[in-house]
PDB file of N, CA and C in Angstrom:
ATOM      1  N   ASN A   1      39.118-182.048 115.649  1.00  0.00           N
ATOM      2  CA  ASN A   1      40.233-181.131 115.788  1.00  0.00           C
ATOM      3  C   ASN A   1      40.473-180.874 117.264  1.00  0.00           C
ATOM      4  N   GLY A   2      41.644-181.254 117.708  1.00  0.00           N
ATOM      5  CA  GLY A   2      42.001-181.053 119.106  1.00  0.00           C
ATOM      6  C   GLY A   2      43.091-180.022 119.228  1.00  0.00           C
ATOM      7  N   PRO A   3      43.551-179.821 120.424  1.00  0.00           N
ATOM      8  CA  PRO A   3      44.621-178.848 120.631  1.00  0.00           C
ATOM      9  C   PRO A   3      45.928-179.325 120.003  1.00  0.00           C
ATOM     10  N   ARG A   4      46.766-178.343 119.656  1.00  0.00           N
ATOM     11  CA  ARG A   4      48.089-178.689 119.118  1.00  0.00           C
ATOM     12  C   ARG A   4      48.869-179.432 120.188  1.00  0.00           C
ATOM     13  N   GLY A   5      49.765-180.273 119.733  1.00  0.00           N
ATOM     14  CA  GLY A   5      50.533-181.059 120.682  1.00  0.00           C
ATOM     15  C   GLY A   5      49.803-182.331 121.073  1.00  0.00           C
ATOM     16  N   GLY A   6      48.708-182.600 120.372  1.00  0.00           N
ATOM     17  CA  GLY A   6      47.954-183.819 120.635  1.00  0.00           C
ATOM     18  C   GLY A   6      48.687-185.030 120.076  1.00  0.00           C
ATOM     19  N   PRO A   7      48.031-186.159 120.098  1.00  0.00           N
ATOM     20  CA  PRO A   7      48.696-187.385 119.629  1.00  0.00           C
ATOM     21  C   PRO A   7      49.033-187.303 118.135  1.00  0.00           C
ATOM     22  N   ASP A   8      50.225-187.813 117.802  1.00  0.00           N
ATOM     23  CA  ASP A   8      50.661-187.824 116.409  1.00  0.00           C
ATOM     24  C   ASP A   8      49.915-188.904 115.632  1.00  0.00           C
ATOM     25  N   LYS A   9      49.840-188.695 114.342  1.00  0.00           N
ATOM     26  CA  LYS A   9      49.249-189.686 113.440  1.00  0.00           C
ATOM     27  C   LYS A   9      50.368-190.617 113.000  1.00  0.00           C
ATOM     28  N   PHE A  10      50.084-191.893 112.918  1.00  0.00           N
ATOM     29  CA  PHE A  10      51.090-192.903 112.626  1.00  0.00           C
ATOM     30  C   PHE A  10      50.739-193.607 111.319  1.00  0.00           C
ATOM     31  N   CYS A  11      51.766-193.851 110.484  1.00  0.00           N
ATOM     32  CA  CYS A  11      51.582-194.554 109.215  1.00  0.00           C
ATOM     33  C   CYS A  11      52.631-195.658 109.126  1.00  0.00           C
ATOM     34  N   ARG A  12      52.197-196.840 108.732  1.00  0.00           N
ATOM     35  CA  ARG A  12      53.116-197.961 108.524  1.00  0.00           C
ATOM     36  C   ARG A  12      52.793-198.561 107.167  1.00  0.00           C
ATOM     37  N   LEU A  13      53.782-198.538 106.268  1.00  0.00           N
ATOM     38  CA  LEU A  13      53.622-199.124 104.938  1.00  0.00           C
ATOM     39  C   LEU A  13      54.482-200.373 104.865  1.00  0.00           C
ATOM     40  N   GLN A  14      53.919-201.439 104.339  1.00  0.00           N
ATOM     41  CA  GLN A  14      54.646-202.692 104.184  1.00  0.00           C
ATOM     42  C   GLN A  14      54.513-203.126 102.734  1.00  0.00           C
ATOM     43  N   VAL A  15      55.653-203.268 102.054  1.00  0.00           N
ATOM     44  CA  VAL A  15      55.663-203.667 100.649  1.00  0.00           C
ATOM     45  C   VAL A  15      56.327-205.033 100.567  1.00  0.00           C
ATOM     46  N   THR A  16      55.618-206.001 100.013  1.00  0.00           N
ATOM     47  CA  THR A  16      56.151-207.348  99.859  1.00  0.00           C
ATOM     48  C   THR A  16      56.626-207.515  98.423  1.00  0.00           C
ATOM     49  N   LEU A  17      57.903-207.839  98.275  1.00  0.00           N
ATOM     50  CA  LEU A  17      58.512-208.014  96.957  1.00  0.00           C
ATOM     51  C   LEU A  17      58.787-209.496  96.719  1.00  0.00           C
ATOM     52  N   VAL A  18      58.772-209.919  95.463  1.00  0.00           N
ATOM     53  CA  VAL A  18      59.098-211.293  95.116  1.00  0.00           C
ATOM     54  C   VAL A  18      60.617-211.437  95.102  1.00  0.00           C
ATOM     55  N   ASP A  19      61.127-212.457  95.748  1.00  0.00           N
ATOM     56  CA  ASP A  19      62.568-212.745  95.801  1.00  0.00           C
ATOM     57  C   ASP A  19      63.384-211.586  96.355  1.00  0.00           C
ATOM     58  N   ALA A  20      62.836-210.885  97.322  1.00  0.00           N
ATOM     59  CA  ALA A  20      63.553-209.774  97.954  1.00  0.00           C
ATOM     60  C   ALA A  20      62.969-209.568  99.351  1.00  0.00           C
ATOM     61  N   PRO A  21      63.739-208.949 100.223  1.00  0.00           N
ATOM     62  CA  PRO A  21      63.207-208.678 101.563  1.00  0.00           C
ATOM     63  C   PRO A  21      62.042-207.690 101.516  1.00  0.00           C
ATOM     64  N   GLN A  22      61.195-207.773 102.525  1.00  0.00           N
ATOM     65  CA  GLN A  22      60.092-206.818 102.639  1.00  0.00           C
ATOM     66  C   GLN A  22      60.635-205.426 102.903  1.00  0.00           C
ATOM     67  N   VAL A  23      59.903-204.438 102.453  1.00  0.00           N
ATOM     68  CA  VAL A  23      60.220-203.044 102.749  1.00  0.00           C
ATOM     69  C   VAL A  23      59.136-202.545 103.699  1.00  0.00           C
ATOM     70  N   VAL A  24      59.551-202.104 104.885  1.00  0.00           N
ATOM     71  CA  VAL A  24      58.608-201.597 105.879  1.00  0.00           C
ATOM     72  C   VAL A  24      59.021-200.176 106.227  1.00  0.00           C
ATOM     73  N   ILE A  25      58.097-199.251 106.098  1.00  0.00           N
ATOM     74  CA  ILE A  25      58.342-197.841 106.393  1.00  0.00           C
ATOM     75  C   ILE A  25      57.370-197.409 107.481  1.00  0.00           C
ATOM     76  N   ARG A  26      57.903-196.755 108.498  1.00  0.00           N
ATOM     77  CA  ARG A  26      57.074-196.205 109.575  1.00  0.00           C
ATOM     78  C   ARG A  26      57.339-194.713 109.658  1.00  0.00           C
ATOM     79  N   ASP A  27      56.279-193.952 109.881  1.00  0.00           N
ATOM     80  CA  ASP A  27      56.428-192.502 110.010  1.00  0.00           C
ATOM     81  C   ASP A  27      55.298-191.979 110.886  1.00  0.00           C
ATOM     82  N   CYS A  28      55.549-190.862 111.547  1.00  0.00           N
ATOM     83  CA  CYS A  28      54.491-190.249 112.347  1.00  0.00           C
ATOM     84  C   CYS A  28      54.665-188.736 112.328  1.00  0.00           C
ATOM     85  N   GLY A  29      53.588-188.040 112.607  1.00  0.00           N
ATOM     86  CA  GLY A  29      53.595-186.585 112.614  1.00  0.00           C
ATOM     87  C   GLY A  29      52.215-186.063 112.955  1.00  0.00           C
ATOM     88  N   PRO A  30      52.082-184.762 113.048  1.00  0.00           N
ATOM     89  CA  PRO A  30      50.797-184.183 113.465  1.00  0.00           C
ATOM     90  C   PRO A  30      49.726-184.193 112.373  1.00  0.00           C
ATOM     91  N   ASP A  31      50.135-184.222 111.094  1.00  0.00           N
ATOM     92  CA  ASP A  31      49.171-184.164 109.992  1.00  0.00           C
ATOM     93  C   ASP A  31      49.179-185.489 109.237  1.00  0.00           C
ATOM     94  N   LEU A  32      48.056-186.166 109.194  1.00  0.00           N
ATOM     95  CA  LEU A  32      47.972-187.492 108.586  1.00  0.00           C
ATOM     96  C   LEU A  32      48.364-187.478 107.111  1.00  0.00           C
ATOM     97  N   TYR A  33      47.918-186.475 106.369  1.00  0.00           N
ATOM     98  CA  TYR A  33      48.213-186.428 104.933  1.00  0.00           C
ATOM     99  C   TYR A  33      49.706-186.265 104.665  1.00  0.00           C
ATOM    100  N   SER A  34      50.379-185.421 105.429  1.00  0.00           N
ATOM    101  CA  SER A  34      51.823-185.249 105.226  1.00  0.00           C
ATOM    102  C   SER A  34      52.585-186.496 105.658  1.00  0.00           C
ATOM    103  N   VAL A  35      52.099-187.184 106.680  1.00  0.00           N
ATOM    104  CA  VAL A  35      52.745-188.424 107.125  1.00  0.00           C
ATOM    105  C   VAL A  35      52.637-189.491 106.037  1.00  0.00           C
ATOM    106  N   ILE A  36      51.459-189.638 105.455  1.00  0.00           N
ATOM    107  CA  ILE A  36      51.270-190.624 104.386  1.00  0.00           C
ATOM    108  C   ILE A  36      52.105-190.256 103.164  1.00  0.00           C
ATOM    109  N   ASP A  37      52.142-188.982 102.813  1.00  0.00           N
ATOM    110  CA  ASP A  37      52.925-188.524 101.664  1.00  0.00           C
ATOM    111  C   ASP A  37      54.412-188.809 101.862  1.00  0.00           C
ATOM    112  N   ARG A  38      54.919-188.470 103.038  1.00  0.00           N
ATOM    113  CA  ARG A  38      56.335-188.687 103.340  1.00  0.00           C
ATOM    114  C   ARG A  38      56.666-190.180 103.366  1.00  0.00           C
ATOM    115  N   ALA A  39      55.815-190.986 103.973  1.00  0.00           N
ATOM    116  CA  ALA A  39      56.050-192.431 104.045  1.00  0.00           C
ATOM    117  C   ALA A  39      56.012-193.063 102.657  1.00  0.00           C
ATOM    118  N   SER A  40      55.092-192.623 101.807  1.00  0.00           N
ATOM    119  CA  SER A  40      55.021-193.197 100.460  1.00  0.00           C
ATOM    120  C   SER A  40      56.242-192.809  99.624  1.00  0.00           C
ATOM    121  N   ASP A  41      56.755-191.597  99.792  1.00  0.00           N
ATOM    122  CA  ASP A  41      57.990-191.201  99.101  1.00  0.00           C
ATOM    123  C   ASP A  41      59.160-192.071  99.550  1.00  0.00           C
ATOM    124  N   ARG A  42      59.271-192.276 100.849  1.00  0.00           N
ATOM    125  CA  ARG A  42      60.357-193.105 101.377  1.00  0.00           C
ATOM    126  C   ARG A  42      60.226-194.548 100.904  1.00  0.00           C
ATOM    127  N   ALA A  43      59.001-195.068 100.875  1.00  0.00           N
ATOM    128  CA  ALA A  43      58.775-196.439 100.413  1.00  0.00           C
ATOM    129  C   ALA A  43      59.141-196.573  98.940  1.00  0.00           C
ATOM    130  N   SER A  44      58.795-195.583  98.145  1.00  0.00           N
ATOM    131  CA  SER A  44      59.124-195.610  96.724  1.00  0.00           C
ATOM    132  C   SER A  44      60.633-195.684  96.510  1.00  0.00           C
ATOM    133  N   ARG A  45      61.371-194.850  97.236  1.00  0.00           N
ATOM    134  CA  ARG A  45      62.837-194.869  97.116  1.00  0.00           C
ATOM    135  C   ARG A  45      63.418-196.196  97.604  1.00  0.00           C
ATOM    136  N   ALA A  46      62.892-196.733  98.699  1.00  0.00           N
ATOM    137  CA  ALA A  46      63.403-197.989  99.249  1.00  0.00           C
ATOM    138  C   ALA A  46      63.139-199.160  98.305  1.00  0.00           C
ATOM    139  N   VAL A  47      61.969-199.196  97.684  1.00  0.00           N
ATOM    140  CA  VAL A  47      61.648-200.265  96.734  1.00  0.00           C
ATOM    141  C   VAL A  47      62.545-200.159  95.507  1.00  0.00           C
ATOM    142  N   ALA A  48      62.738-198.963  94.989  1.00  0.00           N
ATOM    143  CA  ALA A  48      63.620-198.777  93.826  1.00  0.00           C
ATOM    144  C   ALA A  48      65.037-199.228  94.148  1.00  0.00           C
ATOM    145  N   LYS A  49      65.516-198.893  95.323  1.00  0.00           N
ATOM    146  CA  LYS A  49      66.864-199.292  95.734  1.00  0.00           C
ATOM    147  C   LYS A  49      66.966-200.813  95.839  1.00  0.00           C
ATOM    148  N   GLN A  50      65.961-201.446  96.416  1.00  0.00           N
ATOM    149  CA  GLN A  50      65.972-202.901  96.550  1.00  0.00           C
ATOM    150  C   GLN A  50      65.915-203.584  95.192  1.00  0.00           C
ATOM    151  N   LEU A  51      65.120-203.064  94.276  1.00  0.00           N
ATOM    152  CA  LEU A  51      65.041-203.648  92.936  1.00  0.00           C
ATOM    153  C   LEU A  51      66.368-203.503  92.193  1.00  0.00           C
ATOM    154  N   GLU A  52      67.047-202.380  92.370  1.00  0.00           N
ATOM    155  CA  GLU A  52      68.368-202.200  91.752  1.00  0.00           C
ATOM    156  C   GLU A  52      69.366-203.195  92.326  1.00  0.00           C
ATOM    157  N   ARG A  53      69.309-203.414  93.626  1.00  0.00           N
ATOM    158  CA  ARG A  53      70.212-204.394  94.246  1.00  0.00           C
ATOM    159  C   ARG A  53      69.956-205.787  93.682  1.00  0.00           C
ATOM    160  N   ASN A  54      68.690-206.143  93.522  1.00  0.00           N
ATOM    161  CA  ASN A  54      68.368-207.462  92.978  1.00  0.00           C
ATOM    162  C   ASN A  54      68.801-207.580  91.527  1.00  0.00           C
ATOM    163  N   ARG A  55      68.692-206.505  90.798  1.00  0.00           N
ATOM    164  CA  ARG A  55      69.002-206.530  89.369  1.00  0.00           C
ATOM    165  C   ARG A  55      70.501-206.616  89.112  1.00  0.00           C
ATOM    166  N   PHE A  56      71.276-205.812  89.831  1.00  0.00           N
ATOM    167  CA  PHE A  56      72.709-205.731  89.572  1.00  0.00           C
ATOM    168  C   PHE A  56      73.559-206.334  90.675  1.00  0.00           C
ATOM    169  N   GLY A  57      72.997-206.660  91.795  1.00  0.00           N
ATOM    170  CA  GLY A  57      73.782-207.160  92.910  1.00  0.00           C
ATOM    171  C   GLY A  57      74.531-206.015  93.563  1.00  0.00           C
ATOM    172  N   ARG A  58      75.177-206.328  94.639  1.00  0.00           N
ATOM    173  CA  ARG A  58      75.967-205.307  95.338  1.00  0.00           C
ATOM    174  C   ARG A  58      77.368-205.325  94.759  1.00  0.00           C
ATOM    175  N   GLN A  59      77.608-204.490  93.796  1.00  0.00           N
ATOM    176  CA  GLN A  59      78.904-204.458  93.132  1.00  0.00           C
ATOM    177  C   GLN A  59      79.723-203.299  93.664  1.00  0.00           C
ATOM    178  N   ARG A  60      80.967-203.589  93.911  1.00  0.00           N
ATOM    179  CA  ARG A  60      81.895-202.535  94.306  1.00  0.00           C
ATOM    180  C   ARG A  60      82.913-202.381  93.183  1.00  0.00           C
ATOM    181  N   PRO A  61      83.359-201.185  92.948  1.00  0.00           N
ATOM    182  CA  PRO A  61      84.342-200.997  91.879  1.00  0.00           C
ATOM    183  C   PRO A  61      85.635-201.737  92.194  1.00  0.00           C
ATOM    184  N   SER A  62      86.207-202.338  91.179  1.00  0.00           N
ATOM    185  CA  SER A  62      87.445-203.081  91.339  1.00  0.00           C
ATOM    186  C   SER A  62      88.636-202.131  91.335  1.00  0.00           C
ATOM    187  N   LEU A  63      89.569-202.392  92.215  1.00  0.00           N
ATOM    188  CA  LEU A  63      90.786-201.586  92.270  1.00  0.00           C
ATOM    189  C   LEU A  63      91.964-202.317  91.644  1.00  0.00           C
ATOM    190  N   SER A  64      91.729-203.457  90.994  1.00  0.00           N
ATOM    191  CA  SER A  64      92.824-204.258  90.470  1.00  0.00           C
ATOM    192  C   SER A  64      93.669-203.500  89.450  1.00  0.00           C
ATOM    193  N   GLY A  65      93.077-202.709  88.600  1.00  0.00           N
ATOM    194  CA  GLY A  65      93.841-201.986  87.593  1.00  0.00           C
ATOM    195  C   GLY A  65      94.064-200.531  87.937  1.00  0.00           C
ATOM    196  N   ALA A  66      93.604-200.100  89.093  1.00  0.00           N
ATOM    197  CA  ALA A  66      93.685-198.685  89.436  1.00  0.00           C
ATOM    198  C   ALA A  66      95.098-198.262  89.815  1.00  0.00           C
ATOM    199  N   LEU A  67      95.807-199.117  90.524  1.00  0.00           N
ATOM    200  CA  LEU A  67      97.154-198.766  90.980  1.00  0.00           C
ATOM    201  C   LEU A  67      98.162-199.707  90.342  1.00  0.00           C
ATOM    202  N   GLN A  68      98.881-199.227  89.375  1.00  0.00           N
ATOM    203  CA  GLN A  68      99.931-200.016  88.760  1.00  0.00           C
ATOM    204  C   GLN A  68     101.236-199.271  88.946  1.00  0.00           C
ATOM    205  N   LEU A  69     102.104-199.835  89.755  1.00  0.00           N
ATOM    206  CA  LEU A  69     103.394-199.218  90.024  1.00  0.00           C
ATOM    207  C   LEU A  69     104.387-199.654  88.961  1.00  0.00           C
ATOM    208  N   PRO A  70     105.327-198.782  88.594  1.00  0.00           N
ATOM    209  CA  PRO A  70     106.332-199.177  87.602  1.00  0.00           C
ATOM    210  C   PRO A  70     107.230-200.268  88.172  1.00  0.00           C
ATOM    211  N   ALA A  71     107.725-201.134  87.294  1.00  0.00           N
ATOM    212  CA  ALA A  71     108.614-202.208  87.719  1.00  0.00           C
ATOM    213  C   ALA A  71     109.892-201.611  88.283  1.00  0.00           C
ATOM    214  N   GLU A  72     110.514-202.348  89.200  1.00  0.00           N
ATOM    215  CA  GLU A  72     111.729-201.852  89.855  1.00  0.00           C
ATOM    216  C   GLU A  72     112.837-201.658  88.831  1.00  0.00           C
ATOM    217  N   GLY A  73     113.522-200.543  88.919  1.00  0.00           N
ATOM    218  CA  GLY A  73     114.630-200.256  88.022  1.00  0.00           C
ATOM    219  C   GLY A  73     114.207-199.595  86.723  1.00  0.00           C
ATOM    220  N   LEU A  74     112.939-199.403  86.496  1.00  0.00           N
ATOM    221  CA  LEU A  74     112.482-198.752  85.278  1.00  0.00           C
ATOM    222  C   LEU A  74     112.140-197.301  85.573  1.00  0.00           C
ATOM    223  N   ALA A  75     112.358-196.477  84.594  1.00  0.00           N
ATOM    224  CA  ALA A  75     111.973-195.076  84.717  1.00  0.00           C
ATOM    225  C   ALA A  75     110.449-195.006  84.727  1.00  0.00           C
ATOM    226  N   PRO A  76     109.865-193.919  85.237  1.00  0.00           N
ATOM    227  CA  PRO A  76     108.408-193.814  85.269  1.00  0.00           C
ATOM    228  C   PRO A  76     107.751-193.984  83.909  1.00  0.00           C
ATOM    229  N   SER A  77     108.474-193.704  82.830  1.00  0.00           N
ATOM    230  CA  SER A  77     107.882-193.867  81.505  1.00  0.00           C
ATOM    231  C   SER A  77     107.812-195.329  81.108  1.00  0.00           C
ATOM    232  N   GLY A  78     108.528-196.196  81.835  1.00  0.00           N
ATOM    233  CA  GLY A  78     108.531-197.611  81.508  1.00  0.00           C
ATOM    234  C   GLY A  78     109.557-197.967  80.454  1.00  0.00           C
ATOM    235  N   ASP A  79     110.404-197.025  80.054  1.00  0.00           N
ATOM    236  CA  ASP A  79     111.412-197.249  79.021  1.00  0.00           C
ATOM    237  C   ASP A  79     112.582-198.025  79.623  1.00  0.00           C
ATOM    238  N   PRO A  80     112.838-199.265  79.165  1.00  0.00           N
ATOM    239  CA  PRO A  80     113.943-200.046  79.737  1.00  0.00           C
ATOM    240  C   PRO A  80     115.305-199.417  79.468  1.00  0.00           C
ATOM    241  N   ALA A  81     115.429-198.581  78.439  1.00  0.00           N
ATOM    242  CA  ALA A  81     116.706-197.946  78.133  1.00  0.00           C
ATOM    243  C   ALA A  81     117.047-196.883  79.169  1.00  0.00           C
ATOM    244  N   ALA A  82     116.077-196.430  79.922  1.00  0.00           N
ATOM    245  CA  ALA A  82     116.306-195.384  80.909  1.00  0.00           C
ATOM    246  C   ALA A  82     116.447-195.978  82.305  1.00  0.00           C
ATOM    247  N   ARG A  83     117.031-197.171  82.401  1.00  0.00           N
ATOM    248  CA  ARG A  83     117.193-197.829  83.702  1.00  0.00           C
ATOM    249  C   ARG A  83     118.058-196.971  84.617  1.00  0.00           C
ATOM    250  N   THR A  84     117.704-196.994  85.860  1.00  0.00           N
ATOM    251  CA  THR A  84     118.488-196.260  86.849  1.00  0.00           C
ATOM    252  C   THR A  84     119.342-197.253  87.605  1.00  0.00           C
ATOM    253  N   SER A  85     120.514-196.846  87.945  1.00  0.00           N
ATOM    254  CA  SER A  85     121.389-197.737  88.711  1.00  0.00           C
ATOM    255  C   SER A  85     121.120-197.529  90.192  1.00  0.00           C
ATOM    256  N   PRO A  86     121.173-198.609  90.976  1.00  0.00           N
ATOM    257  CA  PRO A  86     120.910-198.474  92.409  1.00  0.00           C
ATOM    258  C   PRO A  86     121.985-197.634  93.080  1.00  0.00           C
ATOM    259  N   ALA A  87     121.602-196.834  94.053  1.00  0.00           N
ATOM    260  CA  ALA A  87     122.549-195.986  94.790  1.00  0.00           C
ATOM    261  C   ALA A  87     123.377-196.855  95.714  1.00  0.00           C
ATOM    262  N   ARG A  88     124.682-196.531  95.816  1.00  0.00           N
ATOM    263  CA  ARG A  88     125.578-197.295  96.699  1.00  0.00           C
ATOM    264  C   ARG A  88     126.135-196.426  97.763  1.00  0.00           C
TER     265      ARG A  88
END
């Protein structure tokens, strides 16, 4: 036990996954147990995130059907009988 403000404790966790990039977590702090606890929590979240990426891929929501504008000359309801005449 030394004076406060002494050298920090350092933790480096390296997780090797099959068919995925390695996960490396580094952390440091004054208390070794809290550093290990924090690093292991971060590693757990990082591994879960990487496994989800491998399982589902990086999918982004499609906007193809999100914005459908009414055809020109049709009323917003889409009723062809309610055609509007162009302004002159």
